[in-house]
């Protein structure tokens, strides 16, 4: 992709983001898929180069997922997910 095409794509993304601030994508995942997804996100958060604003967004999303699971009485799964932030508990 050329630099010009990249700039045009970023401009289009910016326009779409501004035009659809209220858009929410409902996602339905089973617990096994959710556990895998959260684990992969936690692993990505450990990358030393992943320290920008987007990493905080991802951390907030993972925390919200864990809180929601706990609220639905999936306490063991929530606890396991919390341990995923600590490399000492890798299995």
PDB file of N, CA and C in Angstrom:
ATOM      1  N   UNK A   1       0.850  -1.173   0.000  1.00  0.00           N
ATOM      2  CA  UNK A   1       0.000   0.000   0.000  1.00  0.00           C
ATOM      3  C   UNK A   1       0.895   1.236   0.000  1.00  0.00           C
ATOM      4  N   UNK A   2       0.586   2.170  -0.822  1.00  0.00           N
ATOM      5  CA  UNK A   2       1.391   3.389  -0.907  1.00  0.00           C
ATOM      6  C   UNK A   2       1.105   4.292   0.288  1.00  0.00           C
ATOM      7  N   UNK A   3       1.989   5.215   0.526  1.00  0.00           N
ATOM      8  CA  UNK A   3       1.787   6.180   1.621  1.00  0.00           C
ATOM      9  C   UNK A   3       0.515   6.993   1.398  1.00  0.00           C
ATOM     10  N   UNK A   4       0.274   7.341   0.152  1.00  0.00           N
ATOM     11  CA  UNK A   4      -0.939   8.103  -0.162  1.00  0.00           C
ATOM     12  C   UNK A   4      -2.187   7.281   0.145  1.00  0.00           C
ATOM     13  N   UNK A   5      -2.165   6.018  -0.236  1.00  0.00           N
ATOM     14  CA  UNK A   5      -3.302   5.136   0.033  1.00  0.00           C
ATOM     15  C   UNK A   5      -3.496   4.958   1.544  1.00  0.00           C
ATOM     16  N   UNK A   6      -2.402   4.868   2.284  1.00  0.00           N
ATOM     17  CA  UNK A   6      -2.488   4.766   3.746  1.00  0.00           C
ATOM     18  C   UNK A   6      -3.156   6.004   4.337  1.00  0.00           C
ATOM     19  N   UNK A   7      -2.740   7.173   3.871  1.00  0.00           N
ATOM     20  CA  UNK A   7      -3.331   8.421   4.368  1.00  0.00           C
ATOM     21  C   UNK A   7      -4.817   8.486   4.047  1.00  0.00           C
ATOM     22  N   UNK A   8      -5.181   8.074   2.838  1.00  0.00           N
ATOM     23  CA  UNK A   8      -6.596   8.086   2.442  1.00  0.00           C
ATOM     24  C   UNK A   8      -7.403   7.099   3.290  1.00  0.00           C
ATOM     25  N   UNK A   9      -6.828   5.952   3.560  1.00  0.00           N
ATOM     26  CA  UNK A   9      -7.508   4.964   4.395  1.00  0.00           C
ATOM     27  C   UNK A   9      -7.705   5.490   5.815  1.00  0.00           C
ATOM     28  N   UNK A  10      -6.670   6.084   6.376  1.00  0.00           N
ATOM     29  CA  UNK A  10      -6.781   6.642   7.732  1.00  0.00           C
ATOM     30  C   UNK A  10      -7.809   7.768   7.788  1.00  0.00           C
ATOM     31  N   UNK A  11      -7.870   8.577   6.747  1.00  0.00           N
ATOM     32  CA  UNK A  11      -8.871   9.645   6.696  1.00  0.00           C
ATOM     33  C   UNK A  11     -10.277   9.046   6.637  1.00  0.00           C
ATOM     34  N   UNK A  12     -10.452   7.994   5.862  1.00  0.00           N
ATOM     35  CA  UNK A  12     -11.760   7.337   5.765  1.00  0.00           C
ATOM     36  C   UNK A  12     -12.146   6.696   7.097  1.00  0.00           C
ATOM     37  N   UNK A  13     -11.199   6.077   7.759  1.00  0.00           N
ATOM     38  CA  UNK A  13     -11.461   5.479   9.075  1.00  0.00           C
ATOM     39  C   UNK A  13     -11.878   6.558  10.067  1.00  0.00           C
ATOM     40  N   UNK A  14     -11.177   7.666  10.051  1.00  0.00           N
ATOM     41  CA  UNK A  14     -11.503   8.778  10.949  1.00  0.00           C
ATOM     42  C   UNK A  14     -12.921   9.278  10.689  1.00  0.00           C
ATOM     43  N   UNK A  15     -13.285   9.436   9.436  1.00  0.00           N
ATOM     44  CA  UNK A  15     -14.649   9.873   9.093  1.00  0.00           C
ATOM     45  C   UNK A  15     -15.690   8.884   9.602  1.00  0.00           C
ATOM     46  N   UNK A  16     -15.446   7.590   9.371  1.00  0.00           N
ATOM     47  CA  UNK A  16     -16.394   6.577   9.816  1.00  0.00           C
ATOM     48  C   UNK A  16     -16.521   6.554  11.336  1.00  0.00           C
ATOM     49  N   UNK A  17     -15.405   6.689  12.020  1.00  0.00           N
ATOM     50  CA  UNK A  17     -15.425   6.677  13.492  1.00  0.00           C
ATOM     51  C   UNK A  17     -16.220   7.861  14.030  1.00  0.00           C
ATOM     52  N   UNK A  18     -16.017   9.033  13.445  1.00  0.00           N
ATOM     53  CA  UNK A  18     -16.735  10.224  13.900  1.00  0.00           C
ATOM     54  C   UNK A  18     -18.224  10.133  13.588  1.00  0.00           C
ATOM     55  N   UNK A  19     -18.559   9.534  12.458  1.00  0.00           N
ATOM     56  CA  UNK A  19     -19.961   9.453  12.031  1.00  0.00           C
ATOM     57  C   UNK A  19     -20.747   8.396  12.792  1.00  0.00           C
ATOM     58  N   UNK A  20     -20.064   7.500  13.467  1.00  0.00           N
ATOM     59  CA  UNK A  20     -20.769   6.386  14.105  1.00  0.00           C
ATOM     60  C   UNK A  20     -20.320   6.169  15.547  1.00  0.00           C
ATOM     61  N   UNK A  21     -20.218   7.231  16.300  1.00  0.00           N
ATOM     62  CA  UNK A  21     -19.752   7.141  17.688  1.00  0.00           C
ATOM     63  C   UNK A  21     -20.648   6.269  18.570  1.00  0.00           C
ATOM     64  N   UNK A  22     -21.918   6.148  18.222  1.00  0.00           N
ATOM     65  CA  UNK A  22     -22.845   5.379  19.041  1.00  0.00           C
ATOM     66  C   UNK A  22     -22.964   3.920  18.617  1.00  0.00           C
ATOM     67  N   UNK A  23     -22.234   3.517  17.589  1.00  0.00           N
ATOM     68  CA  UNK A  23     -22.316   2.146  17.112  1.00  0.00           C
ATOM     69  C   UNK A  23     -21.748   1.195  18.152  1.00  0.00           C
ATOM     70  N   UNK A  24     -22.478   0.120  18.435  1.00  0.00           N
ATOM     71  CA  UNK A  24     -22.019  -0.932  19.341  1.00  0.00           C
ATOM     72  C   UNK A  24     -22.186  -2.258  18.620  1.00  0.00           C
ATOM     73  N   UNK A  25     -21.168  -3.063  18.633  1.00  0.00           N
ATOM     74  CA  UNK A  25     -21.216  -4.364  17.991  1.00  0.00           C
ATOM     75  C   UNK A  25     -21.494  -5.423  19.048  1.00  0.00           C
ATOM     76  N   UNK A  26     -22.699  -5.984  19.058  1.00  0.00           N
ATOM     77  CA  UNK A  26     -22.974  -7.047  20.025  1.00  0.00           C
ATOM     78  C   UNK A  26     -22.193  -8.312  19.636  1.00  0.00           C
ATOM     79  N   UNK A  27     -21.551  -8.902  20.599  1.00  0.00           N
ATOM     80  CA  UNK A  27     -20.750 -10.100  20.353  1.00  0.00           C
ATOM     81  C   UNK A  27     -21.196 -11.173  21.343  1.00  0.00           C
ATOM     82  N   UNK A  28     -21.453 -12.352  20.829  1.00  0.00           N
ATOM     83  CA  UNK A  28     -21.869 -13.469  21.672  1.00  0.00           C
ATOM     84  C   UNK A  28     -20.807 -14.554  21.579  1.00  0.00           C
ATOM     85  N   UNK A  29     -20.171 -14.845  22.704  1.00  0.00           N
ATOM     86  CA  UNK A  29     -19.097 -15.824  22.734  1.00  0.00           C
ATOM     87  C   UNK A  29     -19.372 -16.858  23.821  1.00  0.00           C
ATOM     88  N   UNK A  30     -19.025 -18.112  23.541  1.00  0.00           N
ATOM     89  CA  UNK A  30     -19.132 -19.109  24.604  1.00  0.00           C
ATOM     90  C   UNK A  30     -17.948 -18.919  25.555  1.00  0.00           C
ATOM     91  N   UNK A  31     -18.026 -19.553  26.712  1.00  0.00           N
ATOM     92  CA  UNK A  31     -17.011 -19.318  27.744  1.00  0.00           C
ATOM     93  C   UNK A  31     -15.613 -19.769  27.315  1.00  0.00           C
ATOM     94  N   UNK A  32     -15.516 -20.864  26.586  1.00  0.00           N
ATOM     95  CA  UNK A  32     -14.203 -21.333  26.150  1.00  0.00           C
ATOM     96  C   UNK A  32     -13.553 -20.327  25.200  1.00  0.00           C
ATOM     97  N   UNK A  33     -14.328 -19.820  24.257  1.00  0.00           N
ATOM     98  CA  UNK A  33     -13.807 -18.821  23.324  1.00  0.00           C
ATOM     99  C   UNK A  33     -13.423 -17.554  24.070  1.00  0.00           C
ATOM    100  N   UNK A  34     -14.247 -17.146  25.021  1.00  0.00           N
ATOM    101  CA  UNK A  34     -13.969 -15.946  25.796  1.00  0.00           C
ATOM    102  C   UNK A  34     -12.687 -16.096  26.609  1.00  0.00           C
ATOM    103  N   UNK A  35     -12.492 -17.272  27.191  1.00  0.00           N
ATOM    104  CA  UNK A  35     -11.278 -17.528  27.964  1.00  0.00           C
ATOM    105  C   UNK A  35     -10.044 -17.443  27.062  1.00  0.00           C
ATOM    106  N   UNK A  36     -10.133 -18.010  25.863  1.00  0.00           N
ATOM    107  CA  UNK A  36      -9.015 -17.936  24.910  1.00  0.00           C
ATOM    108  C   UNK A  36      -8.752 -16.502  24.475  1.00  0.00           C
ATOM    109  N   UNK A  37      -9.811 -15.766  24.196  1.00  0.00           N
ATOM    110  CA  UNK A  37      -9.673 -14.380  23.756  1.00  0.00           C
ATOM    111  C   UNK A  37      -9.032 -13.521  24.840  1.00  0.00           C
ATOM    112  N   UNK A  38      -9.521 -13.640  26.056  1.00  0.00           N
ATOM    113  CA  UNK A  38      -8.958 -12.855  27.161  1.00  0.00           C
ATOM    114  C   UNK A  38      -7.495 -13.218  27.377  1.00  0.00           C
ATOM    115  N   UNK A  39      -7.163 -14.502  27.320  1.00  0.00           N
ATOM    116  CA  UNK A  39      -5.764 -14.918  27.474  1.00  0.00           C
ATOM    117  C   UNK A  39      -4.868 -14.326  26.398  1.00  0.00           C
ATOM    118  N   UNK A  40      -5.350 -14.318  25.162  1.00  0.00           N
ATOM    119  CA  UNK A  40      -4.557 -13.745  24.062  1.00  0.00           C
ATOM    120  C   UNK A  40      -4.382 -12.239  24.242  1.00  0.00           C
ATOM    121  N   UNK A  41      -5.429 -11.564  24.698  1.00  0.00           N
ATOM    122  CA  UNK A  41      -5.325 -10.118  24.945  1.00  0.00           C
ATOM    123  C   UNK A  41      -4.347  -9.835  26.081  1.00  0.00           C
ATOM    124  N   UNK A  42      -4.404 -10.640  27.138  1.00  0.00           N
ATOM    125  CA  UNK A  42      -3.479 -10.438  28.253  1.00  0.00           C
ATOM    126  C   UNK A  42      -2.040 -10.662  27.802  1.00  0.00           C
ATOM    127  N   UNK A  43      -1.827 -11.656  26.972  1.00  0.00           N
ATOM    128  CA  UNK A  43      -0.483 -11.894  26.444  1.00  0.00           C
ATOM    129  C   UNK A  43      -0.016 -10.703  25.614  1.00  0.00           C
ATOM    130  N   UNK A  44      -0.896 -10.173  24.787  1.00  0.00           N
ATOM    131  CA  UNK A  44      -0.549  -9.000  23.969  1.00  0.00           C
ATOM    132  C   UNK A  44      -0.224  -7.795  24.849  1.00  0.00           C
ATOM    133  N   UNK A  45      -0.913  -7.672  25.980  1.00  0.00           N
ATOM    134  CA  UNK A  45      -0.656  -6.541  26.884  1.00  0.00           C
ATOM    135  C   UNK A  45       0.741  -6.605  27.503  1.00  0.00           C
ATOM    136  N   UNK A  46       1.341  -7.777  27.518  1.00  0.00           N
ATOM    137  CA  UNK A  46       2.691  -7.920  28.089  1.00  0.00           C
ATOM    138  C   UNK A  46       3.788  -7.466  27.131  1.00  0.00           C
ATOM    139  N   UNK A  47       3.467  -7.324  25.872  1.00  0.00           N
ATOM    140  CA  UNK A  47       4.496  -6.940  24.907  1.00  0.00           C
ATOM    141  C   UNK A  47       5.040  -5.571  25.298  1.00  0.00           C
ATOM    142  N   UNK A  48       6.361  -5.431  25.380  1.00  0.00           N
ATOM    143  CA  UNK A  48       6.935  -4.164  25.841  1.00  0.00           C
ATOM    144  C   UNK A  48       6.589  -2.964  24.960  1.00  0.00           C
ATOM    145  N   UNK A  49       6.308  -3.203  23.689  1.00  0.00           N
ATOM    146  CA  UNK A  49       5.959  -2.099  22.804  1.00  0.00           C
ATOM    147  C   UNK A  49       4.484  -1.730  22.859  1.00  0.00           C
ATOM    148  N   UNK A  50       3.701  -2.497  23.588  1.00  0.00           N
ATOM    149  CA  UNK A  50       2.259  -2.262  23.675  1.00  0.00           C
ATOM    150  C   UNK A  50       1.977  -1.431  24.932  1.00  0.00           C
ATOM    151  N   UNK A  51       2.253  -0.147  24.848  1.00  0.00           N
ATOM    152  CA  UNK A  51       2.140   0.697  26.034  1.00  0.00           C
ATOM    153  C   UNK A  51       1.399   2.006  25.761  1.00  0.00           C
ATOM    154  N   UNK A  52       0.679   2.050  24.673  1.00  0.00           N
ATOM    155  CA  UNK A  52      -0.033   3.270  24.318  1.00  0.00           C
ATOM    156  C   UNK A  52      -1.452   3.283  24.844  1.00  0.00           C
ATOM    157  N   UNK A  53      -2.218   4.215  24.337  1.00  0.00           N
ATOM    158  CA  UNK A  53      -3.607   4.382  24.766  1.00  0.00           C
ATOM    159  C   UNK A  53      -4.439   3.142  24.469  1.00  0.00           C
ATOM    160  N   UNK A  54      -4.168   2.505  23.350  1.00  0.00           N
ATOM    161  CA  UNK A  54      -4.957   1.320  22.993  1.00  0.00           C
ATOM    162  C   UNK A  54      -4.750   0.182  23.992  1.00  0.00           C
ATOM    163  N   UNK A  55      -3.567   0.085  24.581  1.00  0.00           N
ATOM    164  CA  UNK A  55      -3.351  -0.970  25.576  1.00  0.00           C
ATOM    165  C   UNK A  55      -4.219  -0.740  26.810  1.00  0.00           C
ATOM    166  N   UNK A  56      -4.451   0.505  27.168  1.00  0.00           N
ATOM    167  CA  UNK A  56      -5.337   0.793  28.303  1.00  0.00           C
ATOM    168  C   UNK A  56      -6.788   0.464  27.959  1.00  0.00           C
ATOM    169  N   UNK A  57      -7.175   0.718  26.721  1.00  0.00           N
ATOM    170  CA  UNK A  57      -8.524   0.359  26.276  1.00  0.00           C
ATOM    171  C   UNK A  57      -8.711  -1.156  26.384  1.00  0.00           C
ATOM    172  N   UNK A  58      -7.722  -1.907  25.903  1.00  0.00           N
ATOM    173  CA  UNK A  58      -7.800  -3.373  25.970  1.00  0.00           C
ATOM    174  C   UNK A  58      -7.859  -3.839  27.423  1.00  0.00           C
ATOM    175  N   UNK A  59      -7.039  -3.265  28.276  1.00  0.00           N
ATOM    176  CA  UNK A  59      -7.061  -3.638  29.710  1.00  0.00           C
ATOM    177  C   UNK A  59      -8.431  -3.364  30.299  1.00  0.00           C
ATOM    178  N   UNK A  60      -9.024  -2.230  29.992  1.00  0.00           N
ATOM    179  CA  UNK A  60     -10.354  -1.882  30.495  1.00  0.00           C
ATOM    180  C   UNK A  60     -11.410  -2.865  29.996  1.00  0.00           C
ATOM    181  N   UNK A  61     -11.295  -3.287  28.736  1.00  0.00           N
ATOM    182  CA  UNK A  61     -12.244  -4.257  28.180  1.00  0.00           C
ATOM    183  C   UNK A  61     -12.114  -5.596  28.897  1.00  0.00           C
ATOM    184  N   UNK A  62     -10.883  -6.043  29.090  1.00  0.00           N
ATOM    185  CA  UNK A  62     -10.667  -7.317  29.791  1.00  0.00           C
ATOM    186  C   UNK A  62     -11.206  -7.230  31.217  1.00  0.00           C
ATOM    187  N   UNK A  63     -10.936  -6.141  31.902  1.00  0.00           N
ATOM    188  CA  UNK A  63     -11.464  -5.962  33.264  1.00  0.00           C
ATOM    189  C   UNK A  63     -12.988  -5.998  33.271  1.00  0.00           C
ATOM    190  N   UNK A  64     -13.614  -5.372  32.289  1.00  0.00           N
ATOM    191  CA  UNK A  64     -15.077  -5.359  32.206  1.00  0.00           C
ATOM    192  C   UNK A  64     -15.620  -6.763  31.941  1.00  0.00           C
ATOM    193  N   UNK A  65     -14.937  -7.524  31.099  1.00  0.00           N
ATOM    194  CA  UNK A  65     -15.349  -8.904  30.836  1.00  0.00           C
ATOM    195  C   UNK A  65     -15.287  -9.715  32.125  1.00  0.00           C
ATOM    196  N   UNK A  66     -14.190  -9.582  32.854  1.00  0.00           N
ATOM    197  CA  UNK A  66     -14.021 -10.319  34.102  1.00  0.00           C
ATOM    198  C   UNK A  66     -15.107  -9.928  35.102  1.00  0.00           C
ATOM    199  N   UNK A  67     -15.350  -8.646  35.242  1.00  0.00           N
ATOM    200  CA  UNK A  67     -16.392  -8.176  36.164  1.00  0.00           C
ATOM    201  C   UNK A  67     -17.759  -8.726  35.779  1.00  0.00           C
ATOM    202  N   UNK A  68     -18.037  -8.735  34.491  1.00  0.00           N
ATOM    203  CA  UNK A  68     -19.346  -9.223  34.038  1.00  0.00           C
ATOM    204  C   UNK A  68     -19.501 -10.716  34.302  1.00  0.00           C
ATOM    205  N   UNK A  69     -18.445 -11.469  34.057  1.00  0.00           N
ATOM    206  CA  UNK A  69     -18.493 -12.907  34.350  1.00  0.00           C
ATOM    207  C   UNK A  69     -18.726 -13.150  35.833  1.00  0.00           C
ATOM    208  N   UNK A  70     -18.025 -12.397  36.643  1.00  0.00           N
ATOM    209  CA  UNK A  70     -18.191 -12.533  38.091  1.00  0.00           C
ATOM    210  C   UNK A  70     -19.626 -12.195  38.498  1.00  0.00           C
ATOM    211  N   UNK A  71     -20.191 -11.186  37.874  1.00  0.00           N
ATOM    212  CA  UNK A  71     -21.564 -10.796  38.154  1.00  0.00           C
ATOM    213  C   UNK A  71     -22.580 -11.866  37.776  1.00  0.00           C
ATOM    214  N   UNK A  72     -22.177 -12.752  36.848  1.00  0.00           N
ATOM    215  CA  UNK A  72     -23.042 -13.864  36.446  1.00  0.00           C
ATOM    216  C   UNK A  72     -22.655 -15.150  37.167  1.00  0.00           C
ATOM    217  N   UNK A  73     -21.909 -15.018  38.252  1.00  0.00           N
ATOM    218  CA  UNK A  73     -21.526 -16.142  39.114  1.00  0.00           C
ATOM    219  C   UNK A  73     -20.524 -17.106  38.496  1.00  0.00           C
ATOM    220  N   UNK A  74     -19.774 -16.659  37.504  1.00  0.00           N
ATOM    221  CA  UNK A  74     -18.677 -17.458  36.972  1.00  0.00           C
ATOM    222  C   UNK A  74     -17.404 -17.039  37.707  1.00  0.00           C
ATOM    223  N   UNK A  75     -17.406 -17.248  39.012  1.00  0.00           N
ATOM    224  CA  UNK A  75     -16.331 -16.724  39.861  1.00  0.00           C
ATOM    225  C   UNK A  75     -14.993 -17.417  39.625  1.00  0.00           C
ATOM    226  N   UNK A  76     -14.997 -18.720  39.378  1.00  0.00           N
ATOM    227  CA  UNK A  76     -13.737 -19.429  39.139  1.00  0.00           C
ATOM    228  C   UNK A  76     -13.105 -18.977  37.825  1.00  0.00           C
ATOM    229  N   UNK A  77     -13.925 -18.819  36.791  1.00  0.00           N
ATOM    230  CA  UNK A  77     -13.404 -18.353  35.498  1.00  0.00           C
ATOM    231  C   UNK A  77     -12.870 -16.932  35.639  1.00  0.00           C
ATOM    232  N   UNK A  78     -13.594 -16.091  36.355  1.00  0.00           N
ATOM    233  CA  UNK A  78     -13.148 -14.710  36.572  1.00  0.00           C
ATOM    234  C   UNK A  78     -11.824 -14.685  37.325  1.00  0.00           C
ATOM    235  N   UNK A  79     -11.697 -15.533  38.332  1.00  0.00           N
ATOM    236  CA  UNK A  79     -10.445 -15.578  39.106  1.00  0.00           C
ATOM    237  C   UNK A  79      -9.284 -16.039  38.228  1.00  0.00           C
ATOM    238  N   UNK A  80      -9.528 -17.073  37.415  1.00  0.00           N
ATOM    239  CA  UNK A  80      -8.484 -17.551  36.502  1.00  0.00           C
ATOM    240  C   UNK A  80      -8.074 -16.450  35.534  1.00  0.00           C
ATOM    241  N   UNK A  81      -9.042 -15.705  35.023  1.00  0.00           N
ATOM    242  CA  UNK A  81      -8.727 -14.610  34.105  1.00  0.00           C
ATOM    243  C   UNK A  81      -7.916 -13.522  34.796  1.00  0.00           C
ATOM    244  N   UNK A  82      -8.246 -13.224  36.033  1.00  0.00           N
ATOM    245  CA  UNK A  82      -7.460 -12.209  36.763  1.00  0.00           C
ATOM    246  C   UNK A  82      -6.011 -12.651  36.906  1.00  0.00           C
ATOM    247  N   UNK A  83      -5.807 -13.950  37.137  1.00  0.00           N
ATOM    248  CA  UNK A  83      -4.443 -14.465  37.263  1.00  0.00           C
ATOM    249  C   UNK A  83      -3.671 -14.304  35.953  1.00  0.00           C
ATOM    250  N   UNK A  84      -4.369 -14.192  34.845  1.00  0.00           N
ATOM    251  CA  UNK A  84      -3.724 -14.030  33.546  1.00  0.00           C
ATOM    252  C   UNK A  84      -2.949 -12.739  33.379  1.00  0.00           C
ATOM    253  N   UNK A  85      -3.169 -11.785  34.273  1.00  0.00           N
ATOM    254  CA  UNK A  85      -2.379 -10.549  34.235  1.00  0.00           C
ATOM    255  C   UNK A  85      -1.006 -10.736  34.871  1.00  0.00           C
ATOM    256  N   UNK A  86      -0.805 -11.850  35.560  1.00  0.00           N
ATOM    257  CA  UNK A  86       0.446 -12.088  36.282  1.00  0.00           C
ATOM    258  C   UNK A  86       1.175 -13.264  35.642  1.00  0.00           C
ATOM    259  N   UNK A  87       2.339 -13.037  35.024  1.00  0.00           N
ATOM    260  CA  UNK A  87       3.088 -14.123  34.374  1.00  0.00           C
ATOM    261  C   UNK A  87       3.471 -15.267  35.316  1.00  0.00           C
ATOM    262  N   UNK A  88       3.518 -14.994  36.609  1.00  0.00           N
ATOM    263  CA  UNK A  88       3.867 -16.046  37.562  1.00  0.00           C
ATOM    264  C   UNK A  88       2.814 -17.155  37.593  1.00  0.00           C
ATOM    265  N   UNK A  89       1.635 -16.863  37.094  1.00  0.00           N
ATOM    266  CA  UNK A  89       0.535 -17.836  37.127  1.00  0.00           C
ATOM    267  C   UNK A  89       0.262 -18.455  35.761  1.00  0.00           C
ATOM    268  N   UNK A  90       1.182 -18.284  34.819  1.00  0.00           N
ATOM    269  CA  UNK A  90       1.004 -18.909  33.501  1.00  0.00           C
ATOM    270  C   UNK A  90       0.961 -20.421  33.651  1.00  0.00           C
ATOM    271  N   UNK A  91       0.067 -21.009  32.873  1.00  0.00           N
ATOM    272  CA  UNK A  91      -0.013 -22.486  32.914  1.00  0.00           C
ATOM    273  C   UNK A  91       0.169 -23.046  31.530  1.00  0.00           C
TER     274      UNK A  91
END
